[in-house]
């Protein structure tokens, strides 16, 4: 039970000066288990409680590690590539979902501490994601590459991922 896990760890942190190992026991599997673990572990870490974490899922142990890393990255407690992307709306001009998935795969081993934005439209994308270090925004048949919200170039849609990866490779 996620709420009980949070309450128990808050009480332990209040009463004892021992390191706390955070994890939601019996979280389940898949998305449901990841959500329960993220809520429990994440809320405590945001309050400054916890020294180590574990994500326990009825799933592939690799997914447990990936979920734990994602929780830490979401709270800026672990460095590395963070991908932000829009949820897609009527202004989206490219097939964003496979682009985001491909970038996730290609950036998996990247050690750079950067935020990469994947936005669906060139009208609002660069502005909405101006805090990202680098990103792309889709257009009709082409896309924009931008850094900190400033457009650096326009590229054909079929070159968008490779062009973005080239820009990322050239970043410090």
C-alpha atoms as a PDB file:
ATOM      1  CA  UNK A   1       0.000   0.000   0.000  1.00  0.00           C
ATOM      2  CA  UNK A   2       1.661   3.208  -1.191  1.00  0.00           C
ATOM      3  CA  UNK A   3       0.021   5.471   1.400  1.00  0.00           C
ATOM      4  CA  UNK A   4       1.106   3.198   4.261  1.00  0.00           C
ATOM      5  CA  UNK A   5       4.653   3.061   2.873  1.00  0.00           C
ATOM      6  CA  UNK A   6       4.804   6.865   2.785  1.00  0.00           C
ATOM      7  CA  UNK A   7       3.370   7.230   6.297  1.00  0.00           C
ATOM      8  CA  UNK A   8       5.690   4.564   7.748  1.00  0.00           C
ATOM      9  CA  UNK A   9       8.802   6.150   6.241  1.00  0.00           C
ATOM     10  CA  UNK A  10       7.791   9.648   7.376  1.00  0.00           C
ATOM     11  CA  UNK A  11       7.318   8.305  10.896  1.00  0.00           C
ATOM     12  CA  UNK A  12      10.655   6.463  10.795  1.00  0.00           C
ATOM     13  CA  UNK A  13      12.438   9.594   9.532  1.00  0.00           C
ATOM     14  CA  UNK A  14      10.888  11.578  12.369  1.00  0.00           C
ATOM     15  CA  UNK A  15      11.804   9.083  15.103  1.00  0.00           C
ATOM     16  CA  UNK A  16      15.179   7.671  14.023  1.00  0.00           C
ATOM     17  CA  UNK A  17      18.453   8.988  12.625  1.00  0.00           C
ATOM     18  CA  UNK A  18      19.087   5.871  10.526  1.00  0.00           C
ATOM     19  CA  UNK A  19      19.418   5.692   6.742  1.00  0.00           C
ATOM     20  CA  UNK A  20      16.120   4.748   5.104  1.00  0.00           C
ATOM     21  CA  UNK A  21      15.740   2.364   2.187  1.00  0.00           C
ATOM     22  CA  UNK A  22      12.632   3.286   0.178  1.00  0.00           C
ATOM     23  CA  UNK A  23      10.501   0.896  -1.813  1.00  0.00           C
ATOM     24  CA  UNK A  24       6.872  -0.095  -2.261  1.00  0.00           C
ATOM     25  CA  UNK A  25       6.569  -3.788  -1.448  1.00  0.00           C
ATOM     26  CA  UNK A  26       4.007  -5.698  -3.510  1.00  0.00           C
ATOM     27  CA  UNK A  27       3.597  -2.832  -5.985  1.00  0.00           C
ATOM     28  CA  UNK A  28       2.547  -5.226  -8.737  1.00  0.00           C
ATOM     29  CA  UNK A  29       3.739  -5.193 -12.302  1.00  0.00           C
ATOM     30  CA  UNK A  30       3.803  -3.033 -15.381  1.00  0.00           C
ATOM     31  CA  UNK A  31       2.471   0.501 -15.425  1.00  0.00           C
ATOM     32  CA  UNK A  32       0.476   0.110 -12.201  1.00  0.00           C
ATOM     33  CA  UNK A  33       3.540  -1.025 -10.246  1.00  0.00           C
ATOM     34  CA  UNK A  34       5.695   1.729 -11.712  1.00  0.00           C
ATOM     35  CA  UNK A  35       3.107   4.373 -10.788  1.00  0.00           C
ATOM     36  CA  UNK A  36       2.794   3.093  -7.199  1.00  0.00           C
ATOM     37  CA  UNK A  37       6.578   2.982  -6.790  1.00  0.00           C
ATOM     38  CA  UNK A  38       7.038   6.408  -8.363  1.00  0.00           C
ATOM     39  CA  UNK A  39       4.423   7.997  -6.128  1.00  0.00           C
ATOM     40  CA  UNK A  40       5.751   6.422  -2.940  1.00  0.00           C
ATOM     41  CA  UNK A  41       9.458   6.816  -3.555  1.00  0.00           C
ATOM     42  CA  UNK A  42       9.169  10.158  -5.335  1.00  0.00           C
ATOM     43  CA  UNK A  43       7.019  11.874  -2.720  1.00  0.00           C
ATOM     44  CA  UNK A  44       9.406  10.867   0.066  1.00  0.00           C
ATOM     45  CA  UNK A  45      12.504  11.911  -1.879  1.00  0.00           C
ATOM     46  CA  UNK A  46      10.862  15.283  -2.554  1.00  0.00           C
ATOM     47  CA  UNK A  47      10.510  15.693   1.217  1.00  0.00           C
ATOM     48  CA  UNK A  48      14.200  14.873   1.685  1.00  0.00           C
ATOM     49  CA  UNK A  49      13.465  11.424   3.124  1.00  0.00           C
ATOM     50  CA  UNK A  50      15.360   8.358   1.952  1.00  0.00           C
ATOM     51  CA  UNK A  51      18.912   7.253   1.338  1.00  0.00           C
ATOM     52  CA  UNK A  52      18.532   4.343  -1.076  1.00  0.00           C
ATOM     53  CA  UNK A  53      15.692   3.176  -3.284  1.00  0.00           C
ATOM     54  CA  UNK A  54      14.430  -0.027  -4.821  1.00  0.00           C
ATOM     55  CA  UNK A  55      11.644  -0.530  -7.308  1.00  0.00           C
ATOM     56  CA  UNK A  56      10.114  -3.982  -6.887  1.00  0.00           C
ATOM     57  CA  UNK A  57       7.880  -5.105  -9.733  1.00  0.00           C
ATOM     58  CA  UNK A  58       6.345  -8.357 -10.822  1.00  0.00           C
ATOM     59  CA  UNK A  59       8.186  -7.802 -14.063  1.00  0.00           C
ATOM     60  CA  UNK A  60      11.589  -7.850 -15.720  1.00  0.00           C
ATOM     61  CA  UNK A  61      14.283  -6.748 -13.211  1.00  0.00           C
ATOM     62  CA  UNK A  62      15.724  -4.488 -15.926  1.00  0.00           C
ATOM     63  CA  UNK A  63      12.439  -2.538 -15.845  1.00  0.00           C
ATOM     64  CA  UNK A  64      12.869  -2.126 -12.081  1.00  0.00           C
ATOM     65  CA  UNK A  65      16.274  -0.520 -12.590  1.00  0.00           C
ATOM     66  CA  UNK A  66      15.007   1.665 -15.448  1.00  0.00           C
ATOM     67  CA  UNK A  67      12.059   2.835 -13.327  1.00  0.00           C
ATOM     68  CA  UNK A  68      14.365   3.673 -10.411  1.00  0.00           C
ATOM     69  CA  UNK A  69      16.674   5.670 -12.658  1.00  0.00           C
ATOM     70  CA  UNK A  70      13.670   7.477 -14.180  1.00  0.00           C
ATOM     71  CA  UNK A  71      12.378   8.415 -10.710  1.00  0.00           C
ATOM     72  CA  UNK A  72      15.768   9.879  -9.766  1.00  0.00           C
ATOM     73  CA  UNK A  73      16.079  11.752 -13.081  1.00  0.00           C
ATOM     74  CA  UNK A  74      12.543  13.154 -12.752  1.00  0.00           C
ATOM     75  CA  UNK A  75      13.559  14.712  -9.435  1.00  0.00           C
ATOM     76  CA  UNK A  76      16.937  15.884 -10.770  1.00  0.00           C
ATOM     77  CA  UNK A  77      18.708  13.553  -8.344  1.00  0.00           C
ATOM     78  CA  UNK A  78      20.516  11.720 -11.144  1.00  0.00           C
ATOM     79  CA  UNK A  79      22.278  13.286 -14.074  1.00  0.00           C
ATOM     80  CA  UNK A  80      21.782  12.172 -17.639  1.00  0.00           C
ATOM     81  CA  UNK A  81      19.584  12.807 -20.636  1.00  0.00           C
ATOM     82  CA  UNK A  82      16.032  13.858 -19.861  1.00  0.00           C
ATOM     83  CA  UNK A  83      13.516  13.805 -22.688  1.00  0.00           C
ATOM     84  CA  UNK A  84      10.502  16.064 -22.485  1.00  0.00           C
ATOM     85  CA  UNK A  85       7.777  15.909 -25.093  1.00  0.00           C
ATOM     86  CA  UNK A  86       4.359  17.311 -25.775  1.00  0.00           C
ATOM     87  CA  UNK A  87       1.279  15.089 -25.470  1.00  0.00           C
ATOM     88  CA  UNK A  88       0.282  15.860 -29.094  1.00  0.00           C
ATOM     89  CA  UNK A  89      -2.733  17.966 -29.977  1.00  0.00           C
ATOM     90  CA  UNK A  90      -4.456  19.299 -33.080  1.00  0.00           C
ATOM     91  CA  UNK A  91      -1.410  21.448 -33.918  1.00  0.00           C
ATOM     92  CA  UNK A  92       0.936  18.437 -34.117  1.00  0.00           C
ATOM     93  CA  UNK A  93       2.417  18.256 -37.615  1.00  0.00           C
ATOM     94  CA  UNK A  94       4.583  15.137 -37.403  1.00  0.00           C
ATOM     95  CA  UNK A  95       4.146  11.594 -36.173  1.00  0.00           C
ATOM     96  CA  UNK A  96       5.675  12.394 -32.807  1.00  0.00           C
ATOM     97  CA  UNK A  97       5.319   9.110 -30.940  1.00  0.00           C
ATOM     98  CA  UNK A  98       7.748   7.027 -33.049  1.00  0.00           C
ATOM     99  CA  UNK A  99      10.194   9.953 -33.120  1.00  0.00           C
ATOM    100  CA  UNK A 100      10.181  10.187 -29.314  1.00  0.00           C
ATOM    101  CA  UNK A 101      10.594   6.404 -28.983  1.00  0.00           C
ATOM    102  CA  UNK A 102      13.510   6.374 -31.463  1.00  0.00           C
ATOM    103  CA  UNK A 103      15.250   9.228 -29.636  1.00  0.00           C
ATOM    104  CA  UNK A 104      14.756   7.452 -26.302  1.00  0.00           C
ATOM    105  CA  UNK A 105      16.439   4.371 -27.753  1.00  0.00           C
ATOM    106  CA  UNK A 106      19.290   6.279 -29.391  1.00  0.00           C
ATOM    107  CA  UNK A 107      19.993   8.424 -26.319  1.00  0.00           C
ATOM    108  CA  UNK A 108      19.863   5.507 -23.877  1.00  0.00           C
ATOM    109  CA  UNK A 109      23.630   5.320 -23.339  1.00  0.00           C
ATOM    110  CA  UNK A 110      24.312   9.055 -23.614  1.00  0.00           C
ATOM    111  CA  UNK A 111      26.138  10.374 -20.538  1.00  0.00           C
ATOM    112  CA  UNK A 112      25.477  14.061 -21.197  1.00  0.00           C
ATOM    113  CA  UNK A 113      23.448  15.939 -18.601  1.00  0.00           C
ATOM    114  CA  UNK A 114      20.995  17.564 -21.005  1.00  0.00           C
ATOM    115  CA  UNK A 115      17.272  18.017 -21.531  1.00  0.00           C
ATOM    116  CA  UNK A 116      16.012  17.149 -25.018  1.00  0.00           C
ATOM    117  CA  UNK A 117      12.586  18.378 -26.152  1.00  0.00           C
ATOM    118  CA  UNK A 118      10.433  16.582 -28.707  1.00  0.00           C
ATOM    119  CA  UNK A 119       7.616  18.909 -29.706  1.00  0.00           C
ATOM    120  CA  UNK A 120       4.840  18.418 -32.237  1.00  0.00           C
ATOM    121  CA  UNK A 121       4.482  21.872 -33.777  1.00  0.00           C
ATOM    122  CA  UNK A 122       6.861  24.566 -34.924  1.00  0.00           C
ATOM    123  CA  UNK A 123       4.512  27.370 -33.853  1.00  0.00           C
ATOM    124  CA  UNK A 124       4.570  26.727 -30.102  1.00  0.00           C
ATOM    125  CA  UNK A 125       7.217  24.014 -29.688  1.00  0.00           C
ATOM    126  CA  UNK A 126      10.412  26.074 -29.372  1.00  0.00           C
ATOM    127  CA  UNK A 127       8.789  28.549 -26.979  1.00  0.00           C
ATOM    128  CA  UNK A 128       7.080  25.950 -24.814  1.00  0.00           C
ATOM    129  CA  UNK A 129      10.337  23.986 -24.536  1.00  0.00           C
ATOM    130  CA  UNK A 130      12.704  26.963 -24.261  1.00  0.00           C
ATOM    131  CA  UNK A 131      14.197  25.581 -21.047  1.00  0.00           C
ATOM    132  CA  UNK A 132      15.381  22.439 -22.855  1.00  0.00           C
ATOM    133  CA  UNK A 133      19.019  22.437 -23.900  1.00  0.00           C
ATOM    134  CA  UNK A 134      18.093  21.241 -27.378  1.00  0.00           C
ATOM    135  CA  UNK A 135      15.002  20.041 -29.154  1.00  0.00           C
ATOM    136  CA  UNK A 136      12.977  19.504 -32.258  1.00  0.00           C
ATOM    137  CA  UNK A 137       9.605  20.825 -33.326  1.00  0.00           C
ATOM    138  CA  UNK A 138       7.594  19.324 -36.160  1.00  0.00           C
ATOM    139  CA  UNK A 139       6.254  21.068 -39.214  1.00  0.00           C
ATOM    140  CA  UNK A 140       4.657  19.991 -42.475  1.00  0.00           C
ATOM    141  CA  UNK A 141       7.323  17.766 -44.056  1.00  0.00           C
ATOM    142  CA  UNK A 142      10.106  19.467 -42.121  1.00  0.00           C
ATOM    143  CA  UNK A 143      11.103  20.256 -38.572  1.00  0.00           C
ATOM    144  CA  UNK A 144      13.026  22.786 -36.564  1.00  0.00           C
ATOM    145  CA  UNK A 145      16.025  22.164 -34.365  1.00  0.00           C
ATOM    146  CA  UNK A 146      16.325  24.621 -31.507  1.00  0.00           C
ATOM    147  CA  UNK A 147      18.576  25.300 -28.532  1.00  0.00           C
ATOM    148  CA  UNK A 148      17.129  26.991 -25.437  1.00  0.00           C
ATOM    149  CA  UNK A 149      14.100  27.989 -27.533  1.00  0.00           C
ATOM    150  CA  UNK A 150      16.159  29.643 -30.292  1.00  0.00           C
ATOM    151  CA  UNK A 151      15.719  28.058 -33.720  1.00  0.00           C
ATOM    152  CA  UNK A 152      19.076  27.054 -35.190  1.00  0.00           C
ATOM    153  CA  UNK A 153      17.907  25.398 -38.398  1.00  0.00           C
ATOM    154  CA  UNK A 154      15.143  23.781 -40.397  1.00  0.00           C
ATOM    155  CA  UNK A 155      15.610  20.237 -41.726  1.00  0.00           C
ATOM    156  CA  UNK A 156      13.520  17.805 -43.789  1.00  0.00           C
ATOM    157  CA  UNK A 157      11.392  15.569 -41.583  1.00  0.00           C
ATOM    158  CA  UNK A 158      13.218  12.395 -42.631  1.00  0.00           C
ATOM    159  CA  UNK A 159      16.529  13.933 -41.456  1.00  0.00           C
ATOM    160  CA  UNK A 160      15.204  15.301 -38.181  1.00  0.00           C
ATOM    161  CA  UNK A 161      16.375  12.550 -35.822  1.00  0.00           C
ATOM    162  CA  UNK A 162      19.841  12.189 -37.379  1.00  0.00           C
ATOM    163  CA  UNK A 163      20.295  15.972 -37.451  1.00  0.00           C
ATOM    164  CA  UNK A 164      19.294  16.283 -33.813  1.00  0.00           C
ATOM    165  CA  UNK A 165      21.633  13.438 -32.844  1.00  0.00           C
ATOM    166  CA  UNK A 166      24.467  15.206 -34.689  1.00  0.00           C
ATOM    167  CA  UNK A 167      23.797  18.399 -32.745  1.00  0.00           C
ATOM    168  CA  UNK A 168      23.714  16.461 -29.462  1.00  0.00           C
ATOM    169  CA  UNK A 169      27.007  14.735 -30.322  1.00  0.00           C
ATOM    170  CA  UNK A 170      28.578  18.177 -30.822  1.00  0.00           C
ATOM    171  CA  UNK A 171      27.407  19.471 -27.445  1.00  0.00           C
ATOM    172  CA  UNK A 172      29.899  19.443 -24.574  1.00  0.00           C
END
